[in-house]
Amino acid sequence: MKTNTQIRNRILRKIQRIPADRLKELEVFVSKLEETTNKKEKNLSFAGAWKNIDDNLFNELTENLLDRRRRNKRRINE
């Protein structure tokens, strides 16, 4: 099994062999990978945020959710 360092080094060696006219394409691809990773990490940063929320507050938030969304939608459309 290869380590992350070995895999990264292998990828870097392959990048060195890519023709200059294809580097922009590679950069775009890597940027897309990076964006996907950042979004996932950003979303996961909220994990457990509501773990200790008071039961009454949670019920109030969820029971009135649809009404609040309807009211906010009207404000946005006005």
C-alpha atoms as a PDB file:
ATOM      1  CA  MET A   1       0.000   0.000   0.000  1.00  0.00           C
ATOM      2  CA  LYS A   2       1.398   3.371  -1.025  1.00  0.00           C
ATOM      3  CA  THR A   3       1.509   6.304   1.361  1.00  0.00           C
ATOM      4  CA  ASN A   4      -0.025   9.686   0.552  1.00  0.00           C
ATOM      5  CA  THR A   5       3.470  11.093   0.103  1.00  0.00           C
ATOM      6  CA  GLN A   6       4.355   8.420  -2.438  1.00  0.00           C
ATOM      7  CA  ILE A   7       1.132   9.036  -4.365  1.00  0.00           C
ATOM      8  CA  ARG A   8       1.689  12.810  -4.366  1.00  0.00           C
ATOM      9  CA  ASN A   9       5.261  12.350  -5.612  1.00  0.00           C
ATOM     10  CA  ARG A  10       4.070  10.041  -8.389  1.00  0.00           C
ATOM     11  CA  ILE A  11       1.445  12.617  -9.439  1.00  0.00           C
ATOM     12  CA  LEU A  12       4.041  15.413  -9.404  1.00  0.00           C
ATOM     13  CA  ARG A  13       6.334  13.369 -11.649  1.00  0.00           C
ATOM     14  CA  LYS A  14       3.459  12.854 -14.086  1.00  0.00           C
ATOM     15  CA  ILE A  15       2.666  16.580 -14.045  1.00  0.00           C
ATOM     16  CA  GLN A  16       6.266  17.341 -14.996  1.00  0.00           C
ATOM     17  CA  ARG A  17       5.758  15.320 -18.188  1.00  0.00           C
ATOM     18  CA  ILE A  18       2.566  17.124 -19.260  1.00  0.00           C
ATOM     19  CA  PRO A  19       3.044  19.435 -22.269  1.00  0.00           C
ATOM     20  CA  ALA A  20       2.899  23.165 -21.509  1.00  0.00           C
ATOM     21  CA  ASP A  21      -0.154  23.653 -23.711  1.00  0.00           C
ATOM     22  CA  ARG A  22      -2.175  21.303 -21.454  1.00  0.00           C
ATOM     23  CA  LEU A  23      -1.217  22.879 -18.102  1.00  0.00           C
ATOM     24  CA  LYS A  24      -4.187  25.280 -18.045  1.00  0.00           C
ATOM     25  CA  GLU A  25      -6.543  22.341 -18.520  1.00  0.00           C
ATOM     26  CA  LEU A  26      -4.864  20.546 -15.627  1.00  0.00           C
ATOM     27  CA  GLU A  27      -5.112  23.646 -13.444  1.00  0.00           C
ATOM     28  CA  VAL A  28      -8.869  23.887 -14.090  1.00  0.00           C
ATOM     29  CA  PHE A  29      -9.309  20.213 -13.236  1.00  0.00           C
ATOM     30  CA  VAL A  30      -7.334  20.511  -9.999  1.00  0.00           C
ATOM     31  CA  SER A  31      -9.289  23.643  -9.045  1.00  0.00           C
ATOM     32  CA  LYS A  32     -12.557  21.743  -9.468  1.00  0.00           C
ATOM     33  CA  LEU A  33     -11.256  18.955  -7.253  1.00  0.00           C
ATOM     34  CA  GLU A  34     -10.204  21.517  -4.681  1.00  0.00           C
ATOM     35  CA  GLU A  35     -13.610  23.260  -4.718  1.00  0.00           C
ATOM     36  CA  THR A  36     -15.403  19.964  -4.197  1.00  0.00           C
ATOM     37  CA  THR A  37     -13.164  19.113  -1.261  1.00  0.00           C
ATOM     38  CA  ASN A  38     -13.586  22.549   0.321  1.00  0.00           C
ATOM     39  CA  LYS A  39     -17.384  22.386   0.039  1.00  0.00           C
ATOM     40  CA  LYS A  40     -17.465  18.988   1.679  1.00  0.00           C
ATOM     41  CA  GLU A  41     -15.225  20.153   4.522  1.00  0.00           C
ATOM     42  CA  LYS A  42     -17.261  23.329   4.932  1.00  0.00           C
ATOM     43  CA  ASN A  43     -20.485  21.333   5.174  1.00  0.00           C
ATOM     44  CA  LEU A  44     -18.960  18.864   7.586  1.00  0.00           C
ATOM     45  CA  SER A  45     -17.844  21.721   9.837  1.00  0.00           C
ATOM     46  CA  PHE A  46     -21.506  22.068  10.857  1.00  0.00           C
ATOM     47  CA  ALA A  47     -21.725  18.447  12.001  1.00  0.00           C
ATOM     48  CA  GLY A  48     -22.962  18.275  15.574  1.00  0.00           C
ATOM     49  CA  ALA A  49     -23.806  21.980  15.709  1.00  0.00           C
ATOM     50  CA  TRP A  50     -27.310  21.215  16.978  1.00  0.00           C
ATOM     51  CA  LYS A  51     -26.273  18.387  19.250  1.00  0.00           C
ATOM     52  CA  ASN A  52     -26.977  20.260  22.488  1.00  0.00           C
ATOM     53  CA  ILE A  53     -29.978  22.306  21.339  1.00  0.00           C
ATOM     54  CA  ASP A  54     -32.850  22.619  23.800  1.00  0.00           C
ATOM     55  CA  ASP A  55     -35.759  20.301  22.866  1.00  0.00           C
ATOM     56  CA  ASN A  56     -38.332  23.109  23.121  1.00  0.00           C
ATOM     57  CA  LEU A  57     -36.309  25.380  20.846  1.00  0.00           C
ATOM     58  CA  PHE A  58     -35.784  22.563  18.322  1.00  0.00           C
ATOM     59  CA  ASN A  59     -39.511  21.795  18.251  1.00  0.00           C
ATOM     60  CA  GLU A  60     -40.390  25.472  17.812  1.00  0.00           C
ATOM     61  CA  LEU A  61     -37.929  25.820  14.946  1.00  0.00           C
ATOM     62  CA  THR A  62     -39.130  22.727  13.108  1.00  0.00           C
ATOM     63  CA  GLU A  63     -42.870  23.169  13.712  1.00  0.00           C
ATOM     64  CA  ASN A  64     -42.893  26.722  12.353  1.00  0.00           C
ATOM     65  CA  LEU A  65     -40.364  26.173   9.589  1.00  0.00           C
ATOM     66  CA  LEU A  66     -42.814  26.107   6.666  1.00  0.00           C
ATOM     67  CA  ASP A  67     -44.612  29.271   7.855  1.00  0.00           C
ATOM     68  CA  ARG A  68     -41.327  31.161   8.239  1.00  0.00           C
ATOM     69  CA  ARG A  69     -40.198  30.091   4.770  1.00  0.00           C
ATOM     70  CA  ARG A  70     -43.485  31.278   3.230  1.00  0.00           C
ATOM     71  CA  ARG A  71     -43.183  34.665   4.970  1.00  0.00           C
ATOM     72  CA  ASN A  72     -39.557  35.080   3.873  1.00  0.00           C
ATOM     73  CA  LYS A  73     -40.381  34.097   0.299  1.00  0.00           C
ATOM     74  CA  ARG A  74     -43.001  36.836   0.120  1.00  0.00           C
ATOM     75  CA  ARG A  75     -40.449  39.397   1.315  1.00  0.00           C
ATOM     76  CA  ILE A  76     -37.943  38.292  -1.310  1.00  0.00           C
ATOM     77  CA  ASN A  77     -40.502  38.443  -4.132  1.00  0.00           C
ATOM     78  CA  GLU A  78     -41.767  41.912  -3.175  1.00  0.00           C
END
